[in-house]
């Protein structure tokens, strides 16, 4: 290893270039796989490996070879970006590397939608995209001096999560976590080594339910806060291997005293929805966070918070996706009115559901898919919700070929827990299914753990609305079959945000530039349109 790390390069015969950043103090023992870390520190041993015509990990390197190979995948596109960003040698300036912008700059550029996707180290294109971020970007000091934070999630790898906080020198800041899946000896580890971490395991009474929400609240020294609604669990693969989406709130400053909890409400009722959700847990560990939210000004937020919590819910409540989404669309979604046989009417706007898992939907489309969830998704102002809507529904779910062509082969399907036994009982679903394709953003070979629902124009350039959520296409997440009293049972905790154009002072969201476009910004959209139907030989990826 010493010979490998000497200052001479076998390829050039000359001395190694002087690092532009501080060299990582851990040397070859560095196990980090975070793009932010590789932007901050030089790793000469990895740089030398990249200079080799054929990469071979020296046998005396102390970590598993797979660690170095993943680090190389992360570093390779970063080095390419640095080369591309160097000023021309003919320029008066020297060749100092231009550092990527702060998260605050990214957030300002992403306004007003504030919608981001995760970086995929295997896809260099995603590392350069302005709406691609890493978890440590959420902890960027440009967003504020962090005082404490709350993470509500399903799966949390506490060692990985603390590594992200330490990358920003925030490893000792108070952190509260609520989680629904326990890693081995997680409690023991926290209690022994992490005195700043308060934890609570959300045990589900229903064996078919899941604590599936993914919410972050970040509280700053100036008493402001931000809310993040995400689709990603908190462990390495979810933030590096899979396509995820997340929404960041604008800063919510502290309200002047005295202020009631109804003060500082957004036009969308986001504050009340968040308080109702947090209060539902009835947990002492959340009391400080409920107080922070009560005292914050949410008036700048333009999206709706959509949640599901276990129990039976009715149309007037906000405890189920199926009721809340349908209510919002029937009040605020505007679609063209059909004025003649050749004019564009509501039914010409197709609904797309894109999920990472599919539940048991019944023996036929009429049992739940069309009678319940489509009844909700097809709502709009011009008509009352009706059973078995005639709206077109397309579902995006990766095929076996999509997964096998992914960056990690069959392991790419690790985020797609759809049961083969369930699929065999609902083969009728095949006619609704479409492949996963996101070539435009360089994301086709990373499988989607993101979940999105939307209604798109016939010309495929506009959206009537857009929902990003943790909720997969299942009764447990959205709510089961509607009862005679219009109630629906929910088994899981879920959370998402709904974008409606009128709250952004727009008629529609534009996802493609068009001649008659009125908006100054395009809405971030991940997958390719038009959709690609399943071939007769295609089969959905099943675990």
Protein backbone atom coordinates (compact mmCIF):
# COMPACT_ATOMS: atom_id res chain seq x y z
CA UNK A 1 0.00 0.00 0.00
CA UNK A 2 2.90 2.38 0.78
CA UNK A 3 4.27 1.88 -2.72
CA UNK A 4 0.84 2.52 -4.17
CA UNK A 5 0.54 5.84 -2.31
CA UNK A 6 4.01 7.23 -3.19
CA UNK A 7 4.21 10.65 -4.80
CA UNK A 8 5.18 9.25 -8.22
CA UNK A 9 2.55 8.26 -10.73
CA UNK A 10 3.29 5.13 -12.75
CA UNK A 11 1.31 6.53 -15.66
CA UNK A 12 3.13 9.85 -15.92
CA UNK A 13 6.44 9.26 -14.16
CA UNK A 14 6.05 12.72 -12.59
CA UNK A 15 5.14 13.90 -9.13
CA UNK A 16 1.50 13.75 -8.01
CA UNK A 17 -0.38 17.01 -8.22
CA UNK A 18 -0.81 18.95 -5.00
CA UNK A 19 -4.36 18.44 -3.61
CA UNK A 20 -6.69 21.42 -3.98
CA UNK A 21 -8.50 20.48 -0.74
CA UNK A 22 -7.48 19.02 2.58
CA UNK A 23 -6.67 15.32 2.33
CA UNK A 24 -9.12 13.06 4.16
CA UNK A 25 -7.46 12.16 7.49
CA UNK A 26 -8.77 8.58 7.34
CA UNK A 27 -6.82 7.74 4.20
CA UNK A 28 -7.57 4.26 2.86
CA UNK A 29 -9.70 3.57 5.97
CA UNK A 30 -12.28 6.12 4.87
CA UNK A 31 -15.58 4.29 4.51
CA UNK A 32 -17.71 7.31 3.58
CA UNK A 33 -19.88 7.16 0.48
CA UNK A 34 -21.33 10.64 0.46
CA UNK A 35 -20.79 13.07 -2.46
CA UNK A 36 -20.49 16.02 -0.06
CA UNK A 37 -17.53 14.36 1.70
CA UNK A 38 -15.74 13.88 -1.64
CA UNK A 39 -16.30 17.53 -2.54
CA UNK A 40 -14.73 18.60 0.78
CA UNK A 41 -11.73 16.24 0.98
CA UNK A 42 -9.18 14.81 -1.42
CA UNK A 43 -8.62 11.03 -1.53
CA UNK A 44 -5.28 10.46 -3.33
CA UNK A 45 -5.60 6.66 -3.24
CA UNK A 46 -8.91 6.83 -5.09
CA UNK A 47 -7.64 9.40 -7.59
CA UNK A 48 -4.72 7.07 -8.38
CA UNK A 49 -7.11 4.18 -8.91
CA UNK A 50 -9.08 6.26 -11.42
CA UNK A 51 -5.86 6.98 -13.33
CA UNK A 52 -5.28 3.25 -13.85
CA UNK A 53 -6.17 1.75 -17.22
CA UNK A 54 -7.67 -1.26 -15.41
CA UNK A 55 -8.78 -0.66 -11.84
CA UNK A 56 -7.47 -3.21 -9.35
CA UNK A 57 -7.98 -2.66 -5.62
CA UNK A 58 -4.68 -3.44 -3.80
CA UNK A 59 -4.98 -6.52 -1.60
CA UNK A 60 -3.59 -4.65 1.44
CA UNK A 61 -6.32 -1.98 1.41
CA UNK A 62 -8.08 -2.44 4.79
CA UNK A 63 -11.77 -2.26 3.74
CA UNK A 64 -13.94 -4.46 1.56
CA UNK A 65 -13.31 -3.96 -2.16
CA UNK A 66 -16.98 -3.11 -2.67
CA UNK A 67 -16.53 0.02 -0.50
CA UNK A 68 -13.76 1.38 -2.74
CA UNK A 69 -15.70 0.54 -5.91
CA UNK A 70 -18.76 2.45 -4.65
CA UNK A 71 -16.52 5.37 -3.66
CA UNK A 72 -15.04 5.40 -7.16
CA UNK A 73 -18.53 5.51 -8.66
CA UNK A 74 -19.24 8.59 -6.55
CA UNK A 75 -15.90 10.30 -7.19
CA UNK A 76 -15.62 9.70 -10.93
CA UNK A 77 -18.44 12.08 -12.02
CA UNK A 78 -17.40 14.65 -9.41
CA UNK A 79 -13.92 14.84 -10.87
CA UNK A 80 -15.47 15.17 -14.33
CA UNK A 81 -17.56 18.09 -13.15
CA UNK A 82 -14.49 19.83 -11.72
CA UNK A 83 -12.67 19.47 -15.02
CA UNK A 84 -15.63 20.85 -16.95
CA UNK A 85 -15.93 23.82 -14.60
CA UNK A 86 -12.29 24.89 -14.86
CA UNK A 87 -11.79 28.27 -16.57
CA UNK A 88 -10.03 28.24 -19.91
CA UNK A 89 -6.21 28.36 -19.60
CA UNK A 90 -6.30 31.32 -21.97
CA UNK A 91 -8.34 33.24 -19.42
CA UNK A 92 -6.75 35.78 -17.10
CA UNK A 93 -7.96 33.83 -14.04
CA UNK A 94 -6.12 30.78 -12.70
CA UNK A 95 -7.53 27.22 -12.78
CA UNK A 96 -9.12 27.18 -9.32
CA UNK A 97 -11.99 24.67 -9.13
CA UNK A 98 -15.42 26.26 -8.99
CA UNK A 99 -17.31 24.74 -6.04
CA UNK A 100 -20.98 23.76 -6.45
CA UNK A 101 -23.49 26.29 -5.13
CA UNK A 102 -25.04 26.21 -1.69
CA UNK A 103 -28.33 24.53 -0.97
CA UNK A 104 -29.92 27.91 -0.42
CA UNK A 105 -29.00 28.87 -3.99
CA UNK A 106 -30.47 25.62 -5.27
CA UNK A 107 -33.63 26.26 -3.30
CA UNK A 108 -34.00 29.78 -4.67
CA UNK A 109 -33.49 28.48 -8.20
CA UNK A 110 -36.09 25.75 -7.61
CA UNK A 111 -38.74 28.19 -6.35
CA UNK A 112 -41.68 28.26 -6.31
CA UNK A 113 -42.07 24.48 -6.50
CA UNK A 114 -39.13 23.50 -4.24
CA UNK A 115 -39.26 19.95 -5.62
CA UNK A 116 -36.03 17.94 -5.74
CA UNK A 117 -34.79 14.47 -6.70
CA UNK A 118 -31.94 12.45 -5.22
CA UNK A 119 -28.55 12.23 -6.91
CA UNK A 120 -27.59 8.83 -8.35
CA UNK A 121 -23.77 8.46 -8.18
CA UNK A 122 -23.86 5.91 -11.03
CA UNK A 123 -25.50 8.53 -13.27
CA UNK A 124 -23.18 11.50 -13.80
CA UNK A 125 -26.04 13.42 -15.40
CA UNK A 126 -28.00 13.48 -12.13
CA UNK A 127 -25.05 15.00 -10.26
CA UNK A 128 -25.16 18.04 -12.55
CA UNK A 129 -28.91 18.57 -12.59
CA UNK A 130 -30.02 21.67 -10.65
CA UNK A 131 -32.84 19.84 -8.84
CA UNK A 132 -30.67 16.89 -7.69
CA UNK A 133 -29.58 16.86 -4.05
CA UNK A 134 -28.07 14.62 -1.36
CA UNK A 135 -29.18 14.23 2.24
CA UNK A 136 -26.34 16.43 3.50
CA UNK A 137 -27.67 19.24 1.30
CA UNK A 138 -30.63 19.36 3.69
CA UNK A 139 -28.15 20.15 6.48
CA UNK A 140 -26.30 22.87 4.54
CA UNK A 141 -25.53 25.84 6.83
CA UNK A 142 -26.81 28.19 4.12
CA UNK A 143 -30.32 27.09 5.12
CA UNK A 144 -29.75 28.19 8.70
CA UNK A 145 -27.78 27.29 11.83
CA UNK A 146 -29.38 24.03 12.92
CA UNK A 147 -30.46 23.79 16.56
CA UNK A 148 -32.25 20.42 16.50
CA UNK A 149 -34.16 18.19 14.09
CA UNK A 150 -36.92 15.59 13.88
CA UNK A 151 -36.94 12.63 11.50
CA UNK A 152 -40.17 10.64 11.06
CA UNK A 153 -39.60 7.64 8.82
CA UNK A 154 -40.04 3.93 8.19
CA UNK A 155 -36.49 2.57 8.03
CA UNK A 156 -33.60 4.40 9.70
CA UNK A 157 -29.99 3.20 9.70
CA UNK A 158 -28.85 5.30 12.64
CA UNK A 159 -25.14 4.87 11.86
CA UNK A 160 -25.61 6.11 8.29
CA UNK A 161 -27.86 8.96 9.44
CA UNK A 162 -25.36 10.15 12.06
CA UNK A 163 -22.62 10.01 9.45
CA UNK A 164 -24.61 12.53 7.38
CA UNK A 165 -24.97 14.86 10.36
CA UNK A 166 -21.26 14.54 11.20
CA UNK A 167 -20.38 15.51 7.63
CA UNK A 168 -21.85 18.92 8.49
CA UNK A 169 -20.37 18.97 12.02
CA UNK A 170 -23.86 18.49 13.44
CA UNK A 171 -23.31 15.07 15.01
CA UNK A 172 -23.94 16.30 18.56
CA UNK A 173 -27.05 18.37 17.85
CA UNK A 174 -30.29 17.09 19.44
CA UNK A 175 -32.09 14.67 17.11
CA UNK A 176 -35.47 13.00 17.58
CA UNK A 177 -36.38 9.97 15.47
CA UNK A 178 -39.66 8.09 15.01
CA UNK A 179 -39.37 4.92 12.99
CA UNK A 180 -41.41 1.89 11.98
CA UNK A 181 -38.75 -0.73 11.31
CA UNK A 182 -36.02 -1.65 13.79
CA UNK A 183 -32.46 -2.31 12.67
CA UNK A 184 -30.71 -4.98 14.83
CA UNK A 185 -29.62 -3.63 18.25
CA UNK A 186 -30.58 -0.10 17.18
CA UNK A 187 -31.96 0.91 20.59
CA UNK A 188 -28.93 -0.42 22.44
CA UNK A 189 -26.57 1.44 20.11
CA UNK A 190 -28.42 4.74 20.51
CA UNK A 191 -28.62 4.50 24.28
CA UNK A 192 -24.95 3.58 24.63
CA UNK A 193 -23.32 5.90 22.10
CA UNK A 194 -25.77 8.66 21.12
CA UNK A 195 -26.97 10.63 24.16
CA UNK A 196 -28.22 13.44 21.88
CA UNK A 197 -30.67 11.14 20.07
CA UNK A 198 -34.24 10.69 21.34
CA UNK A 199 -35.95 7.71 19.74
CA UNK A 200 -39.36 6.07 19.57
CA UNK A 201 -40.36 2.92 17.72
CA UNK A 202 -43.90 3.23 16.33
CA UNK A 203 -45.38 -0.23 16.87
CA UNK A 204 -48.34 -0.93 14.62
CA UNK A 205 -51.41 -2.64 16.07
CA UNK A 206 -52.45 -3.83 12.61
CA UNK A 207 -50.02 -6.44 11.21
CA UNK A 208 -50.81 -5.22 7.69
CA UNK A 209 -50.12 -1.57 8.59
CA UNK A 210 -46.85 0.29 8.26
CA UNK A 211 -45.35 3.46 9.72
CA UNK A 212 -44.42 4.65 6.24
CA UNK A 213 -44.37 8.49 6.41
CA UNK A 214 -41.12 10.30 5.64
CA UNK A 215 -41.08 13.76 7.22
CA UNK A 216 -38.20 15.93 8.42
CA UNK A 217 -38.52 19.08 10.52
CA UNK A 218 -35.43 21.24 10.98
CA UNK A 219 -35.44 23.87 13.75
CA UNK A 220 -32.84 26.66 13.63
CA UNK A 221 -31.11 28.92 16.14
CA UNK A 222 -33.18 31.90 14.96
CA UNK A 223 -36.34 29.94 15.95
CA UNK A 224 -37.46 29.38 12.35
CA UNK A 225 -38.08 25.93 10.90
CA UNK A 226 -38.33 24.05 7.62
CA UNK A 227 -40.37 20.98 6.74
CA UNK A 228 -39.23 18.29 4.30
CA UNK A 229 -41.65 15.73 2.85
CA UNK A 230 -39.79 12.86 1.21
CA UNK A 231 -40.16 9.39 -0.30
CA UNK A 232 -36.78 8.13 0.95
CA UNK A 233 -35.97 5.97 3.94
CA UNK A 234 -32.89 7.01 5.88
CA UNK A 235 -30.20 4.59 4.79
CA UNK A 236 -27.47 4.51 2.16
CA UNK A 237 -29.16 2.68 -0.72
CA UNK A 238 -32.29 4.82 -0.63
CA UNK A 239 -30.24 7.99 -1.14
CA UNK A 240 -27.76 6.61 -3.66
CA UNK A 241 -29.26 3.72 -5.63
CA UNK A 242 -32.92 4.66 -6.10
CA UNK A 243 -34.84 7.57 -7.57
CA UNK A 244 -36.49 9.54 -4.77
CA UNK A 245 -38.34 12.84 -4.53
CA UNK A 246 -38.61 15.45 -1.80
CA UNK A 247 -40.23 18.81 -1.21
CA UNK A 248 -38.59 21.50 0.93
CA UNK A 249 -40.63 24.21 2.56
CA UNK A 250 -39.59 27.85 2.51
CA UNK A 251 -38.38 29.10 5.92
CA UNK A 252 -41.16 29.35 8.50
CA UNK A 253 -40.13 32.13 10.92
CA UNK A 254 -41.29 32.36 14.51
CA UNK A 255 -44.51 34.34 14.96
CA UNK A 256 -44.43 37.44 17.18
CA UNK A 257 -45.93 37.00 20.66
CA UNK A 258 -48.73 36.55 21.46
CA UNK A 259 -49.84 34.17 18.72
CA UNK A 260 -52.38 31.35 18.64
CA UNK A 261 -51.75 28.07 16.88
CA UNK A 262 -54.15 29.21 14.15
CA UNK A 263 -51.94 32.23 13.40
CA UNK A 264 -49.48 32.00 10.53
CA UNK A 265 -51.60 29.55 8.54
CA UNK A 266 -50.87 28.95 4.85
CA UNK A 267 -53.55 29.41 2.15
CA UNK A 268 -53.58 25.60 1.96
CA UNK A 269 -54.08 24.84 5.66
CA UNK A 270 -50.67 23.16 5.79
CA UNK A 271 -50.02 24.17 9.43
CA UNK A 272 -53.26 22.71 10.75
CA UNK A 273 -52.72 19.51 8.76
CA UNK A 274 -49.21 19.09 10.17
CA UNK A 275 -50.37 19.74 13.73
CA UNK A 276 -53.22 17.26 13.38
CA UNK A 277 -50.80 14.64 12.08
CA UNK A 278 -48.25 15.15 14.87
CA UNK A 279 -50.95 15.18 17.56
CA UNK A 280 -52.34 11.88 16.30
CA UNK A 281 -49.27 10.04 17.67
CA UNK A 282 -50.02 11.28 21.21
CA UNK A 283 -46.33 10.96 22.11
CA UNK A 284 -44.44 13.02 24.75
CA UNK A 285 -41.32 13.10 22.53
CA UNK A 286 -43.28 15.14 19.97
CA UNK A 287 -44.57 17.79 22.38
CA UNK A 288 -41.61 20.19 21.79
CA UNK A 289 -42.09 19.79 18.03
CA UNK A 290 -45.79 20.51 18.23
CA UNK A 291 -44.91 23.68 20.14
CA UNK A 292 -42.35 24.70 17.49
CA UNK A 293 -44.96 24.24 14.75
CA UNK A 294 -47.61 26.16 16.70
CA UNK A 295 -45.30 29.18 16.97
CA UNK A 296 -44.17 29.16 13.31
CA UNK A 297 -45.47 31.21 10.39
CA UNK A 298 -46.43 28.87 7.52
CA UNK A 299 -48.05 31.57 5.36
CA UNK A 300 -45.45 31.22 2.55
CA UNK A 301 -46.31 27.56 1.89
CA UNK A 302 -48.37 26.87 -1.25
CA UNK A 303 -48.78 23.08 -1.18
CA UNK A 304 -51.28 20.93 0.69
CA UNK A 305 -50.09 18.36 3.22
CA UNK A 306 -51.88 15.06 2.54
CA UNK A 307 -51.64 12.37 5.23
CA UNK A 308 -53.03 8.97 6.14
CA UNK A 309 -53.22 7.64 9.70
CA UNK A 310 -54.56 4.27 10.89
CA UNK A 311 -58.28 4.06 11.56
CA UNK A 312 -61.64 4.62 9.90
CA UNK A 313 -62.01 8.01 8.24
CA UNK A 314 -64.78 9.98 6.57
CA UNK A 315 -64.88 12.57 3.75
CA UNK A 316 -64.72 15.57 6.10
CA UNK A 317 -61.58 14.27 7.85
CA UNK A 318 -57.99 14.40 6.60
CA UNK A 319 -57.00 10.96 7.86
CA UNK A 320 -56.99 9.19 4.50
CA UNK A 321 -55.42 9.94 1.14
CA UNK A 322 -58.50 8.73 -0.71
CA UNK A 323 -60.79 11.26 1.01
CA UNK A 324 -58.42 14.21 1.23
CA UNK A 325 -57.16 14.03 -2.36
CA UNK A 326 -60.70 13.66 -3.72
CA UNK A 327 -61.89 16.61 -1.65
CA UNK A 328 -59.02 18.86 -2.79
CA UNK A 329 -59.51 18.03 -6.47
CA UNK A 330 -63.26 18.52 -6.39
CA UNK A 331 -62.72 21.98 -4.90
CA UNK A 332 -59.61 23.25 -6.68
CA UNK A 333 -58.86 21.25 -9.87
CA UNK A 334 -59.93 22.98 -13.09
CA UNK A 335 -60.08 21.09 -16.38
CA UNK A 336 -61.21 22.29 -19.83
CA UNK A 337 -64.96 22.15 -20.45
CA UNK A 338 -65.94 20.10 -23.50
CA UNK A 339 -67.80 22.45 -25.89
CA UNK A 340 -68.02 20.24 -28.97
CA UNK A 341 -67.10 16.86 -30.45
CA UNK A 342 -63.57 18.02 -31.32
CA UNK A 343 -62.88 20.07 -28.18
CA UNK A 344 -60.70 19.04 -25.27
CA UNK A 345 -62.74 17.86 -22.28
CA UNK A 346 -61.89 16.48 -18.82
CA UNK A 347 -61.74 12.86 -19.98
CA UNK A 348 -58.96 13.70 -22.46
CA UNK A 349 -56.67 14.43 -19.50
CA UNK A 350 -55.16 11.13 -18.37
CA UNK A 351 -54.33 10.17 -14.79
CA UNK A 352 -50.94 8.59 -14.07
CA UNK A 353 -50.12 6.63 -10.90
CA UNK A 354 -46.45 5.77 -10.36
CA UNK A 355 -45.51 3.68 -7.33
CA UNK A 356 -42.81 1.35 -5.98
CA UNK A 357 -45.24 -1.28 -4.69
CA UNK A 358 -48.74 -2.49 -5.46
CA UNK A 359 -51.09 -4.04 -2.94
CA UNK A 360 -53.90 -6.53 -3.31
CA UNK A 361 -56.48 -4.59 -5.35
CA UNK A 362 -59.20 -7.22 -5.77
CA UNK A 363 -60.53 -9.56 -8.42
CA UNK A 364 -61.38 -6.82 -10.92
CA UNK A 365 -60.70 -3.10 -11.58
CA UNK A 366 -64.18 -2.24 -10.32
CA UNK A 367 -63.54 -3.67 -6.86
CA UNK A 368 -61.22 -0.86 -5.68
CA UNK A 369 -59.00 0.60 -8.40
CA UNK A 370 -61.77 2.33 -10.33
CA UNK A 371 -64.49 2.52 -7.67
CA UNK A 372 -62.32 4.02 -4.91
CA UNK A 373 -58.91 5.43 -5.81
CA UNK A 374 -59.81 6.53 -9.36
CA UNK A 375 -63.00 8.06 -7.98
CA UNK A 376 -60.70 10.21 -5.85
CA UNK A 377 -58.03 10.97 -8.48
CA UNK A 378 -60.58 11.83 -11.18
CA UNK A 379 -62.24 14.60 -9.17
CA UNK A 380 -62.41 18.16 -10.52
CA UNK A 381 -64.51 21.30 -10.08
CA UNK A 382 -66.77 20.83 -13.08
CA UNK A 383 -68.38 17.61 -11.91
CA UNK A 384 -69.26 15.66 -8.80
CA UNK A 385 -67.21 12.56 -7.96
CA UNK A 386 -68.81 9.48 -9.50
CA UNK A 387 -68.18 5.77 -9.01
CA UNK A 388 -66.26 3.88 -11.72
CA UNK A 389 -65.00 7.03 -13.39
CA UNK A 390 -64.40 6.86 -17.12
CA UNK A 391 -61.12 8.74 -16.77
CA UNK A 392 -58.06 7.04 -18.24
CA UNK A 393 -55.69 5.56 -15.65
CA UNK A 394 -52.10 4.51 -16.43
CA UNK A 395 -49.84 2.87 -13.85
CA UNK A 396 -46.03 2.99 -14.00
CA UNK A 397 -44.24 0.02 -12.44
CA UNK A 398 -40.88 -1.45 -13.54
CA UNK A 399 -40.78 -4.63 -15.58
CA UNK A 400 -38.35 -7.49 -15.00
CA UNK A 401 -36.27 -6.15 -17.92
CA UNK A 402 -36.28 -2.62 -16.45
CA UNK A 403 -34.81 -3.98 -13.21
CA UNK A 404 -32.32 -6.36 -14.80
CA UNK A 405 -31.00 -3.48 -16.93
CA UNK A 406 -30.61 -1.36 -13.79
CA UNK A 407 -27.23 -0.37 -12.38
CA UNK A 408 -27.26 -3.23 -9.87
CA UNK A 409 -29.04 -5.96 -11.82
CA UNK A 410 -31.57 -7.87 -9.70
CA UNK A 411 -30.52 -5.91 -6.60
CA UNK A 412 -31.98 -2.84 -8.33
CA UNK A 413 -35.39 -4.27 -7.48
CA UNK A 414 -34.77 -4.11 -3.74
CA UNK A 415 -37.06 -1.06 -3.48
CA UNK A 416 -39.96 -2.75 -5.31
CA UNK A 417 -41.68 -5.09 -2.82
CA UNK A 418 -44.55 -6.33 -4.99
CA UNK A 419 -45.62 -9.91 -4.24
CA UNK A 420 -45.72 -12.38 -7.13
CA UNK A 421 -48.55 -14.21 -5.38
CA UNK A 422 -50.56 -10.97 -5.32
CA UNK A 423 -49.79 -10.23 -8.97
CA UNK A 424 -50.97 -13.67 -10.07
CA UNK A 425 -54.37 -12.96 -8.45
CA UNK A 426 -54.80 -9.68 -10.35
CA UNK A 427 -53.45 -10.32 -13.84
CA UNK A 428 -56.13 -7.93 -15.11
CA UNK A 429 -53.80 -5.17 -13.91
CA UNK A 430 -51.43 -5.87 -16.83
CA UNK A 431 -53.53 -3.74 -19.20
CA UNK A 432 -52.93 -0.68 -16.97
CA UNK A 433 -49.16 -1.13 -16.56
CA UNK A 434 -46.37 0.90 -18.19
CA UNK A 435 -42.60 0.57 -18.06
CA UNK A 436 -40.21 2.71 -16.05
CA UNK A 437 -38.40 5.09 -18.40
CA UNK A 438 -36.64 8.32 -17.44
CA UNK A 439 -34.03 8.74 -20.18
CA UNK A 440 -34.46 12.52 -20.33
CA UNK A 441 -33.01 12.94 -16.83
CA UNK A 442 -30.59 10.01 -17.02
CA UNK A 443 -32.61 8.04 -14.43
CA UNK A 444 -33.89 4.98 -16.32
CA UNK A 445 -31.34 2.57 -14.82
CA UNK A 446 -32.06 3.64 -11.24
CA UNK A 447 -35.33 2.16 -10.04
CA UNK A 448 -38.04 4.46 -8.66
CA UNK A 449 -38.80 4.40 -4.95
CA UNK A 450 -40.52 7.75 -5.52
CA UNK A 451 -44.34 7.70 -5.62
CA UNK A 452 -46.20 10.28 -7.72
CA UNK A 453 -49.72 10.78 -9.02
CA UNK A 454 -50.79 13.40 -11.57
CA UNK A 455 -53.21 14.36 -14.35
CA UNK A 456 -51.63 15.23 -17.68
CA UNK A 457 -52.94 17.06 -20.76
CA UNK A 458 -53.50 15.31 -24.12
CA UNK A 459 -50.49 17.18 -25.53
CA UNK A 460 -48.35 15.85 -22.64
CA UNK A 461 -47.01 19.32 -21.76
CA UNK A 462 -49.24 20.35 -18.83
CA UNK A 463 -50.38 19.03 -15.46
CA UNK A 464 -53.70 19.77 -13.78
CA UNK A 465 -52.20 18.72 -10.43
CA UNK A 466 -49.32 16.72 -8.97
CA UNK A 467 -48.98 14.64 -5.79
CA UNK A 468 -45.74 13.27 -4.36
CA UNK A 469 -46.24 10.97 -1.40
CA UNK A 470 -44.99 7.97 0.55
CA UNK A 471 -48.26 6.19 -0.31
CA UNK A 472 -47.98 3.26 -2.70
CA UNK A 473 -50.87 1.93 -4.74
CA UNK A 474 -52.60 0.02 -1.94
CA UNK A 475 -55.69 0.01 0.25
CA UNK A 476 -53.52 0.15 3.38
CA UNK A 477 -52.00 3.46 2.27
CA UNK A 478 -54.93 5.22 0.59
CA UNK A 479 -57.91 3.69 2.39
CA UNK A 480 -59.91 0.59 1.59
CA UNK A 481 -63.24 0.17 -0.13
CA UNK A 482 -65.71 2.92 0.74
CA UNK A 483 -68.38 1.76 3.19
CA UNK A 484 -72.08 2.63 3.04
CA UNK A 485 -71.42 5.55 5.40
CA UNK A 486 -68.60 6.69 3.01
CA UNK A 487 -65.99 5.72 5.58
CA UNK A 488 -62.71 4.06 4.59
CA UNK A 489 -60.27 2.09 6.70
CA UNK A 490 -56.58 3.06 6.62
CA UNK A 491 -53.89 0.76 7.99
CA UNK A 492 -50.70 2.82 7.52
CA UNK A 493 -49.12 6.18 8.25
CA UNK A 494 -48.39 8.08 5.02
CA UNK A 495 -47.49 11.66 4.08
CA UNK A 496 -47.24 13.65 0.85
CA UNK A 497 -47.77 17.08 -0.65
CA UNK A 498 -50.29 18.09 -3.30
CA UNK A 499 -49.46 20.80 -5.87
CA UNK A 500 -52.47 22.64 -7.34
CA UNK A 501 -51.84 25.35 -9.99
CA UNK A 502 -54.24 27.97 -8.63
CA UNK A 503 -52.16 28.27 -5.45
CA UNK A 504 -49.15 29.16 -7.60
CA UNK A 505 -51.18 31.71 -9.60
CA UNK A 506 -51.08 29.44 -12.64
CA UNK A 507 -53.71 27.82 -14.83
CA UNK A 508 -51.70 24.61 -15.24
CA UNK A 509 -48.21 23.38 -14.46
CA UNK A 510 -46.02 23.20 -17.55
CA UNK A 511 -43.62 20.25 -17.85
CA UNK A 512 -42.50 20.96 -21.41
CA UNK A 513 -41.81 24.22 -23.20
CA UNK A 514 -44.61 24.94 -25.67
CA UNK A 515 -45.59 27.80 -27.98
CA UNK A 516 -48.55 28.92 -25.89
CA UNK A 517 -46.77 28.51 -22.56
CA UNK A 518 -47.62 31.12 -19.93
CA UNK A 519 -45.43 30.05 -16.99
CA UNK A 520 -41.93 31.33 -16.34
CA UNK A 521 -40.80 28.01 -14.79
CA UNK A 522 -41.19 24.39 -15.84
CA UNK A 523 -42.47 21.99 -13.21
CA UNK A 524 -39.87 19.30 -12.29
CA UNK A 525 -40.95 15.98 -13.79
CA UNK A 526 -38.95 12.77 -13.60
CA UNK A 527 -40.16 10.16 -16.08
CA UNK A 528 -40.57 10.26 -19.86
CA UNK A 529 -43.76 10.99 -21.76
CA UNK A 530 -45.41 9.47 -23.70
CA UNK A 531 -45.50 6.36 -21.54
CA UNK A 532 -44.34 2.97 -22.82
CA UNK A 533 -46.94 0.22 -22.43
CA UNK A 534 -46.02 -3.27 -21.25
CA UNK A 535 -45.43 -5.69 -24.11
CA UNK A 536 -47.33 -8.96 -23.94
CA UNK A 537 -44.10 -10.63 -22.81
CA UNK A 538 -43.42 -8.11 -20.04
CA UNK A 539 -43.90 -9.03 -16.39
CA UNK A 540 -43.84 -6.67 -13.41
CA UNK A 541 -40.86 -7.04 -11.08
CA UNK A 542 -41.93 -9.14 -8.11
CA UNK A 543 -40.13 -10.18 -4.95
